[in-house]
Amino acid sequence: MIIQQLSNRVLKLERLIPPERDQSYTLEEICRSMWRQNKKRFIETAKNNSYQLFVYQFEREDAEAAASRNGGPCR
């Protein structure tokens, strides 16, 4: 990957995640931001790589949050 491509990707990430602290983020935070922006696209991106673990985690957390909003247990 050339430097220009990397630079463009970093700029995209900076737009997704507003700077709220010292400009350092975990991989989970970046993935979660991408998940919130476009779940379908993140799922597609995560196919056949280790990011699939985040998909499982985020889906579970979303289901738990929905269940708590609805007043029932998650199934």
PDB file of N, CA and C in Angstrom:
ATOM      1  N   MET A   1       0.849  -1.168   0.000  1.00  0.00           N
ATOM      2  CA  MET A   1       0.000   0.000   0.000  1.00  0.00           C
ATOM      3  C   MET A   1       0.897   1.234   0.000  1.00  0.00           C
ATOM      4  N   ILE A   2       0.535   2.181  -0.802  1.00  0.00           N
ATOM      5  CA  ILE A   2       1.375   3.364  -0.889  1.00  0.00           C
ATOM      6  C   ILE A   2       0.993   4.376   0.188  1.00  0.00           C
ATOM      7  N   ILE A   3       1.873   5.311   0.431  1.00  0.00           N
ATOM      8  CA  ILE A   3       1.687   6.299   1.490  1.00  0.00           C
ATOM      9  C   ILE A   3       0.400   7.101   1.293  1.00  0.00           C
ATOM     10  N   GLN A   4       0.093   7.477   0.087  1.00  0.00           N
ATOM     11  CA  GLN A   4      -1.117   8.269  -0.180  1.00  0.00           C
ATOM     12  C   GLN A   4      -2.381   7.502   0.233  1.00  0.00           C
ATOM     13  N   GLN A   5      -2.426   6.192  -0.052  1.00  0.00           N
ATOM     14  CA  GLN A   5      -3.577   5.384   0.338  1.00  0.00           C
ATOM     15  C   GLN A   5      -3.706   5.323   1.854  1.00  0.00           C
ATOM     16  N   LEU A   6      -2.599   5.132   2.536  1.00  0.00           N
ATOM     17  CA  LEU A   6      -2.621   5.112   3.999  1.00  0.00           C
ATOM     18  C   LEU A   6      -3.091   6.451   4.553  1.00  0.00           C
ATOM     19  N   SER A   7      -2.587   7.509   3.986  1.00  0.00           N
ATOM     20  CA  SER A   7      -2.973   8.841   4.428  1.00  0.00           C
ATOM     21  C   SER A   7      -4.478   9.054   4.252  1.00  0.00           C
ATOM     22  N   ASN A   8      -5.007   8.627   3.129  1.00  0.00           N
ATOM     23  CA  ASN A   8      -6.447   8.764   2.887  1.00  0.00           C
ATOM     24  C   ASN A   8      -7.266   7.964   3.889  1.00  0.00           C
ATOM     25  N   ARG A   9      -6.813   6.778   4.214  1.00  0.00           N
ATOM     26  CA  ARG A   9      -7.529   5.955   5.197  1.00  0.00           C
ATOM     27  C   ARG A   9      -7.498   6.595   6.583  1.00  0.00           C
ATOM     28  N   VAL A  10      -6.378   7.146   6.946  1.00  0.00           N
ATOM     29  CA  VAL A  10      -6.282   7.823   8.243  1.00  0.00           C
ATOM     30  C   VAL A  10      -7.226   9.019   8.282  1.00  0.00           C
ATOM     31  N   LEU A  11      -7.284   9.779   7.212  1.00  0.00           N
ATOM     32  CA  LEU A  11      -8.193  10.924   7.154  1.00  0.00           C
ATOM     33  C   LEU A  11      -9.656  10.490   7.284  1.00  0.00           C
ATOM     34  N   LYS A  12     -10.018   9.376   6.655  1.00  0.00           N
ATOM     35  CA  LYS A  12     -11.379   8.858   6.784  1.00  0.00           C
ATOM     36  C   LYS A  12     -11.675   8.492   8.229  1.00  0.00           C
ATOM     37  N   LEU A  13     -10.725   7.831   8.881  1.00  0.00           N
ATOM     38  CA  LEU A  13     -10.918   7.450  10.280  1.00  0.00           C
ATOM     39  C   LEU A  13     -11.037   8.673  11.173  1.00  0.00           C
ATOM     40  N   GLU A  14     -10.262   9.693  10.894  1.00  0.00           N
ATOM     41  CA  GLU A  14     -10.338  10.911  11.688  1.00  0.00           C
ATOM     42  C   GLU A  14     -11.716  11.560  11.565  1.00  0.00           C
ATOM     43  N   ARG A  15     -12.336  11.462  10.407  1.00  0.00           N
ATOM     44  CA  ARG A  15     -13.680  12.001  10.231  1.00  0.00           C
ATOM     45  C   ARG A  15     -14.715  11.158  10.971  1.00  0.00           C
ATOM     46  N   LEU A  16     -14.489   9.858  11.037  1.00  0.00           N
ATOM     47  CA  LEU A  16     -15.419   8.966  11.736  1.00  0.00           C
ATOM     48  C   LEU A  16     -15.369   9.141  13.249  1.00  0.00           C
ATOM     49  N   ILE A  17     -14.174   9.367  13.762  1.00  0.00           N
ATOM     50  CA  ILE A  17     -13.979   9.424  15.208  1.00  0.00           C
ATOM     51  C   ILE A  17     -13.516  10.832  15.573  1.00  0.00           C
ATOM     52  N   PRO A  18     -14.405  11.627  16.124  1.00  0.00           N
ATOM     53  CA  PRO A  18     -13.983  12.981  16.503  1.00  0.00           C
ATOM     54  C   PRO A  18     -12.952  12.935  17.624  1.00  0.00           C
ATOM     55  N   PRO A  19     -11.975  13.819  17.585  1.00  0.00           N
ATOM     56  CA  PRO A  19     -10.943  13.819  18.630  1.00  0.00           C
ATOM     57  C   PRO A  19     -11.514  14.247  19.978  1.00  0.00           C
ATOM     58  N   GLU A  20     -11.511  13.343  20.920  1.00  0.00           N
ATOM     59  CA  GLU A  20     -12.038  13.633  22.252  1.00  0.00           C
ATOM     60  C   GLU A  20     -10.956  13.541  23.319  1.00  0.00           C
ATOM     61  N   ARG A  21      -9.808  13.081  22.929  1.00  0.00           N
ATOM     62  CA  ARG A  21      -8.730  12.952  23.907  1.00  0.00           C
ATOM     63  C   ARG A  21      -7.396  13.083  23.208  1.00  0.00           C
ATOM     64  N   ASP A  22      -6.423  12.337  23.610  1.00  0.00           N
ATOM     65  CA  ASP A  22      -5.045  12.515  23.143  1.00  0.00           C
ATOM     66  C   ASP A  22      -4.757  11.922  21.759  1.00  0.00           C
ATOM     67  N   GLN A  23      -5.792  11.691  20.951  1.00  0.00           N
ATOM     68  CA  GLN A  23      -5.626  11.191  19.588  1.00  0.00           C
ATOM     69  C   GLN A  23      -5.194   9.729  19.501  1.00  0.00           C
ATOM     70  N   SER A  24      -5.314   8.969  20.571  1.00  0.00           N
ATOM     71  CA  SER A  24      -5.003   7.542  20.490  1.00  0.00           C
ATOM     72  C   SER A  24      -6.287   6.746  20.719  1.00  0.00           C
ATOM     73  N   TYR A  25      -6.473   5.701  19.910  1.00  0.00           N
ATOM     74  CA  TYR A  25      -7.676   4.896  19.955  1.00  0.00           C
ATOM     75  C   TYR A  25      -7.312   3.426  19.878  1.00  0.00           C
ATOM     76  N   THR A  26      -8.153   2.607  20.479  1.00  0.00           N
ATOM     77  CA  THR A  26      -7.949   1.167  20.365  1.00  0.00           C
ATOM     78  C   THR A  26      -8.598   0.686  19.073  1.00  0.00           C
ATOM     79  N   LEU A  27      -8.203  -0.484  18.638  1.00  0.00           N
ATOM     80  CA  LEU A  27      -8.802  -1.080  17.449  1.00  0.00           C
ATOM     81  C   LEU A  27     -10.299  -1.283  17.663  1.00  0.00           C
ATOM     82  N   GLU A  28     -10.683  -1.681  18.861  1.00  0.00           N
ATOM     83  CA  GLU A  28     -12.103  -1.876  19.158  1.00  0.00           C
ATOM     84  C   GLU A  28     -12.882  -0.564  19.005  1.00  0.00           C
ATOM     85  N   GLU A  29     -12.334   0.538  19.474  1.00  0.00           N
ATOM     86  CA  GLU A  29     -13.011   1.830  19.346  1.00  0.00           C
ATOM     87  C   GLU A  29     -13.195   2.228  17.881  1.00  0.00           C
ATOM     88  N   ILE A  30     -12.180   1.996  17.087  1.00  0.00           N
ATOM     89  CA  ILE A  30     -12.266   2.321  15.665  1.00  0.00           C
ATOM     90  C   ILE A  30     -13.316   1.442  14.985  1.00  0.00           C
ATOM     91  N   CYS A  31     -13.285   0.148  15.291  1.00  0.00           N
ATOM     92  CA  CYS A  31     -14.254  -0.776  14.701  1.00  0.00           C
ATOM     93  C   CYS A  31     -15.676  -0.443  15.155  1.00  0.00           C
ATOM     94  N   ARG A  32     -15.831  -0.087  16.414  1.00  0.00           N
ATOM     95  CA  ARG A  32     -17.160   0.260  16.922  1.00  0.00           C
ATOM     96  C   ARG A  32     -17.702   1.509  16.214  1.00  0.00           C
ATOM     97  N   SER A  33     -16.842   2.463  15.970  1.00  0.00           N
ATOM     98  CA  SER A  33     -17.254   3.664  15.253  1.00  0.00           C
ATOM     99  C   SER A  33     -17.700   3.316  13.831  1.00  0.00           C
ATOM    100  N   MET A  34     -16.941   2.457  13.184  1.00  0.00           N
ATOM    101  CA  MET A  34     -17.311   2.018  11.839  1.00  0.00           C
ATOM    102  C   MET A  34     -18.640   1.263  11.878  1.00  0.00           C
ATOM    103  N   TRP A  35     -18.848   0.436  12.903  1.00  0.00           N
ATOM    104  CA  TRP A  35     -20.081  -0.323  13.096  1.00  0.00           C
ATOM    105  C   TRP A  35     -21.267   0.635  13.224  1.00  0.00           C
ATOM    106  N   ARG A  36     -21.099   1.675  13.999  1.00  0.00           N
ATOM    107  CA  ARG A  36     -22.191   2.631  14.199  1.00  0.00           C
ATOM    108  C   ARG A  36     -22.497   3.421  12.938  1.00  0.00           C
ATOM    109  N   GLN A  37     -21.479   3.673  12.139  1.00  0.00           N
ATOM    110  CA  GLN A  37     -21.684   4.427  10.905  1.00  0.00           C
ATOM    111  C   GLN A  37     -22.435   3.603   9.856  1.00  0.00           C
ATOM    112  N   ASN A  38     -22.045   2.321   9.724  1.00  0.00           N
ATOM    113  CA  ASN A  38     -22.636   1.493   8.677  1.00  0.00           C
ATOM    114  C   ASN A  38     -22.410   0.016   9.007  1.00  0.00           C
ATOM    115  N   LYS A  39     -23.360  -0.578   9.702  1.00  0.00           N
ATOM    116  CA  LYS A  39     -23.223  -1.973  10.147  1.00  0.00           C
ATOM    117  C   LYS A  39     -23.031  -2.938   8.984  1.00  0.00           C
ATOM    118  N   LYS A  40     -23.854  -2.761   7.966  1.00  0.00           N
ATOM    119  CA  LYS A  40     -23.803  -3.683   6.826  1.00  0.00           C
ATOM    120  C   LYS A  40     -22.414  -3.650   6.171  1.00  0.00           C
ATOM    121  N   ARG A  41     -21.878  -2.478   5.990  1.00  0.00           N
ATOM    122  CA  ARG A  41     -20.552  -2.341   5.371  1.00  0.00           C
ATOM    123  C   ARG A  41     -19.466  -2.937   6.269  1.00  0.00           C
ATOM    124  N   PHE A  42     -19.581  -2.720   7.583  1.00  0.00           N
ATOM    125  CA  PHE A  42     -18.584  -3.288   8.494  1.00  0.00           C
ATOM    126  C   PHE A  42     -18.629  -4.810   8.453  1.00  0.00           C
ATOM    127  N   ILE A  43     -19.832  -5.372   8.431  1.00  0.00           N
ATOM    128  CA  ILE A  43     -19.963  -6.837   8.368  1.00  0.00           C
ATOM    129  C   ILE A  43     -19.306  -7.372   7.102  1.00  0.00           C
ATOM    130  N   GLU A  44     -19.541  -6.684   5.995  1.00  0.00           N
ATOM    131  CA  GLU A  44     -18.937  -7.101   4.727  1.00  0.00           C
ATOM    132  C   GLU A  44     -17.410  -7.003   4.793  1.00  0.00           C
ATOM    133  N   THR A  45     -16.913  -5.938   5.381  1.00  0.00           N
ATOM    134  CA  THR A  45     -15.470  -5.743   5.516  1.00  0.00           C
ATOM    135  C   THR A  45     -14.841  -6.812   6.417  1.00  0.00           C
ATOM    136  N   ALA A  46     -15.591  -7.233   7.413  1.00  0.00           N
ATOM    137  CA  ALA A  46     -15.062  -8.160   8.410  1.00  0.00           C
ATOM    138  C   ALA A  46     -15.095  -9.623   7.974  1.00  0.00           C
ATOM    139  N   LYS A  47     -15.724  -9.904   6.852  1.00  0.00           N
ATOM    140  CA  LYS A  47     -15.808 -11.303   6.396  1.00  0.00           C
ATOM    141  C   LYS A  47     -14.416 -11.883   6.188  1.00  0.00           C
ATOM    142  N   ASN A  48     -14.239 -13.107   6.682  1.00  0.00           N
ATOM    143  CA  ASN A  48     -13.009 -13.879   6.480  1.00  0.00           C
ATOM    144  C   ASN A  48     -11.765 -13.231   7.068  1.00  0.00           C
ATOM    145  N   ASN A  49     -11.924 -12.453   8.128  1.00  0.00           N
ATOM    146  CA  ASN A  49     -10.745 -11.966   8.841  1.00  0.00           C
ATOM    147  C   ASN A  49     -11.065 -11.856  10.326  1.00  0.00           C
ATOM    148  N   SER A  50     -10.103 -11.470  11.105  1.00  0.00           N
ATOM    149  CA  SER A  50     -10.264 -11.466  12.553  1.00  0.00           C
ATOM    150  C   SER A  50     -11.240 -10.407  13.055  1.00  0.00           C
ATOM    151  N   TYR A  51     -11.619  -9.437  12.218  1.00  0.00           N
ATOM    152  CA  TYR A  51     -12.604  -8.433  12.637  1.00  0.00           C
ATOM    153  C   TYR A  51     -13.973  -9.052  12.852  1.00  0.00           C
ATOM    154  N   GLN A  52     -14.173 -10.273  12.357  1.00  0.00           N
ATOM    155  CA  GLN A  52     -15.435 -10.968  12.556  1.00  0.00           C
ATOM    156  C   GLN A  52     -15.732 -11.113  14.051  1.00  0.00           C
ATOM    157  N   LEU A  53     -14.701 -11.200  14.871  1.00  0.00           N
ATOM    158  CA  LEU A  53     -14.902 -11.270  16.320  1.00  0.00           C
ATOM    159  C   LEU A  53     -15.622 -10.032  16.825  1.00  0.00           C
ATOM    160  N   PHE A  54     -15.304  -8.879  16.265  1.00  0.00           N
ATOM    161  CA  PHE A  54     -15.986  -7.654  16.658  1.00  0.00           C
ATOM    162  C   PHE A  54     -17.446  -7.675  16.232  1.00  0.00           C
ATOM    163  N   VAL A  55     -17.735  -8.258  15.070  1.00  0.00           N
ATOM    164  CA  VAL A  55     -19.117  -8.350  14.607  1.00  0.00           C
ATOM    165  C   VAL A  55     -19.935  -9.124  15.631  1.00  0.00           C
ATOM    166  N   TYR A  56     -19.432 -10.280  16.070  1.00  0.00           N
ATOM    167  CA  TYR A  56     -20.142 -11.082  17.073  1.00  0.00           C
ATOM    168  C   TYR A  56     -20.350 -10.279  18.348  1.00  0.00           C
ATOM    169  N   GLN A  57     -19.313  -9.597  18.799  1.00  0.00           N
ATOM    170  CA  GLN A  57     -19.387  -8.813  20.032  1.00  0.00           C
ATOM    171  C   GLN A  57     -20.405  -7.678  19.904  1.00  0.00           C
ATOM    172  N   PHE A  58     -20.345  -6.928  18.811  1.00  0.00           N
ATOM    173  CA  PHE A  58     -21.227  -5.786  18.642  1.00  0.00           C
ATOM    174  C   PHE A  58     -22.680  -6.227  18.463  1.00  0.00           C
ATOM    175  N   GLU A  59     -22.905  -7.328  17.753  1.00  0.00           N
ATOM    176  CA  GLU A  59     -24.265  -7.842  17.606  1.00  0.00           C
ATOM    177  C   GLU A  59     -24.832  -8.252  18.959  1.00  0.00           C
ATOM    178  N   ARG A  60     -24.022  -8.923  19.770  1.00  0.00           N
ATOM    179  CA  ARG A  60     -24.464  -9.336  21.105  1.00  0.00           C
ATOM    180  C   ARG A  60     -24.784  -8.115  21.970  1.00  0.00           C
ATOM    181  N   GLU A  61     -23.902  -7.118  21.940  1.00  0.00           N
ATOM    182  CA  GLU A  61     -24.120  -5.915  22.741  1.00  0.00           C
ATOM    183  C   GLU A  61     -25.369  -5.170  22.280  1.00  0.00           C
ATOM    184  N   ASP A  62     -25.596  -5.098  20.971  1.00  0.00           N
ATOM    185  CA  ASP A  62     -26.798  -4.443  20.449  1.00  0.00           C
ATOM    186  C   ASP A  62     -28.052  -5.179  20.902  1.00  0.00           C
ATOM    187  N   ALA A  63     -28.007  -6.511  20.859  1.00  0.00           N
ATOM    188  CA  ALA A  63     -29.160  -7.313  21.287  1.00  0.00           C
ATOM    189  C   ALA A  63     -29.427  -7.127  22.777  1.00  0.00           C
ATOM    190  N   GLU A  64     -28.377  -7.090  23.574  1.00  0.00           N
ATOM    191  CA  GLU A  64     -28.538  -6.879  25.018  1.00  0.00           C
ATOM    192  C   GLU A  64     -29.105  -5.498  25.302  1.00  0.00           C
ATOM    193  N   ALA A  65     -28.636  -4.495  24.585  1.00  0.00           N
ATOM    194  CA  ALA A  65     -29.134  -3.130  24.778  1.00  0.00           C
ATOM    195  C   ALA A  65     -30.607  -3.037  24.376  1.00  0.00           C
ATOM    196  N   ALA A  66     -30.970  -3.680  23.265  1.00  0.00           N
ATOM    197  CA  ALA A  66     -32.367  -3.663  22.820  1.00  0.00           C
ATOM    198  C   ALA A  66     -33.256  -4.371  23.836  1.00  0.00           C
ATOM    199  N   ALA A  67     -32.781  -5.476  24.371  1.00  0.00           N
ATOM    200  CA  ALA A  67     -33.569  -6.213  25.361  1.00  0.00           C
ATOM    201  C   ALA A  67     -33.766  -5.387  26.625  1.00  0.00           C
ATOM    202  N   SER A  68     -32.728  -4.685  27.053  1.00  0.00           N
ATOM    203  CA  SER A  68     -32.864  -3.887  28.269  1.00  0.00           C
ATOM    204  C   SER A  68     -33.800  -2.700  28.037  1.00  0.00           C
ATOM    205  N   ARG A  69     -33.803  -2.140  26.815  1.00  0.00           N
ATOM    206  CA  ARG A  69     -34.730  -1.062  26.495  1.00  0.00           C
ATOM    207  C   ARG A  69     -36.167  -1.556  26.481  1.00  0.00           C
ATOM    208  N   ASN A  70     -36.357  -2.808  26.071  1.00  0.00           N
ATOM    209  CA  ASN A  70     -37.692  -3.395  25.984  1.00  0.00           C
ATOM    210  C   ASN A  70     -38.130  -4.068  27.277  1.00  0.00           C
ATOM    211  N   GLY A  71     -37.253  -4.079  28.265  1.00  0.00           N
ATOM    212  CA  GLY A  71     -37.594  -4.621  29.565  1.00  0.00           C
ATOM    213  C   GLY A  71     -37.571  -6.129  29.676  1.00  0.00           C
ATOM    214  N   GLY A  72     -36.901  -6.792  28.761  1.00  0.00           N
ATOM    215  CA  GLY A  72     -36.858  -8.257  28.816  1.00  0.00           C
ATOM    216  C   GLY A  72     -35.444  -8.781  28.652  1.00  0.00           C
ATOM    217  N   PRO A  73     -35.256 -10.066  28.936  1.00  0.00           N
ATOM    218  CA  PRO A  73     -33.926 -10.665  28.785  1.00  0.00           C
ATOM    219  C   PRO A  73     -33.580 -10.862  27.310  1.00  0.00           C
ATOM    220  N   CYS A  74     -32.314 -10.890  27.045  1.00  0.00           N
ATOM    221  CA  CYS A  74     -31.811 -11.127  25.689  1.00  0.00           C
ATOM    222  C   CYS A  74     -31.895 -12.616  25.377  1.00  0.00           C
ATOM    223  N   ARG A  75     -32.314 -12.976  24.177  1.00  0.00           N
ATOM    224  CA  ARG A  75     -32.411 -14.403  23.800  1.00  0.00           C
ATOM    225  C   ARG A  75     -31.474 -14.706  22.691  1.00  0.00           C
TER     226      ARG A  75
END
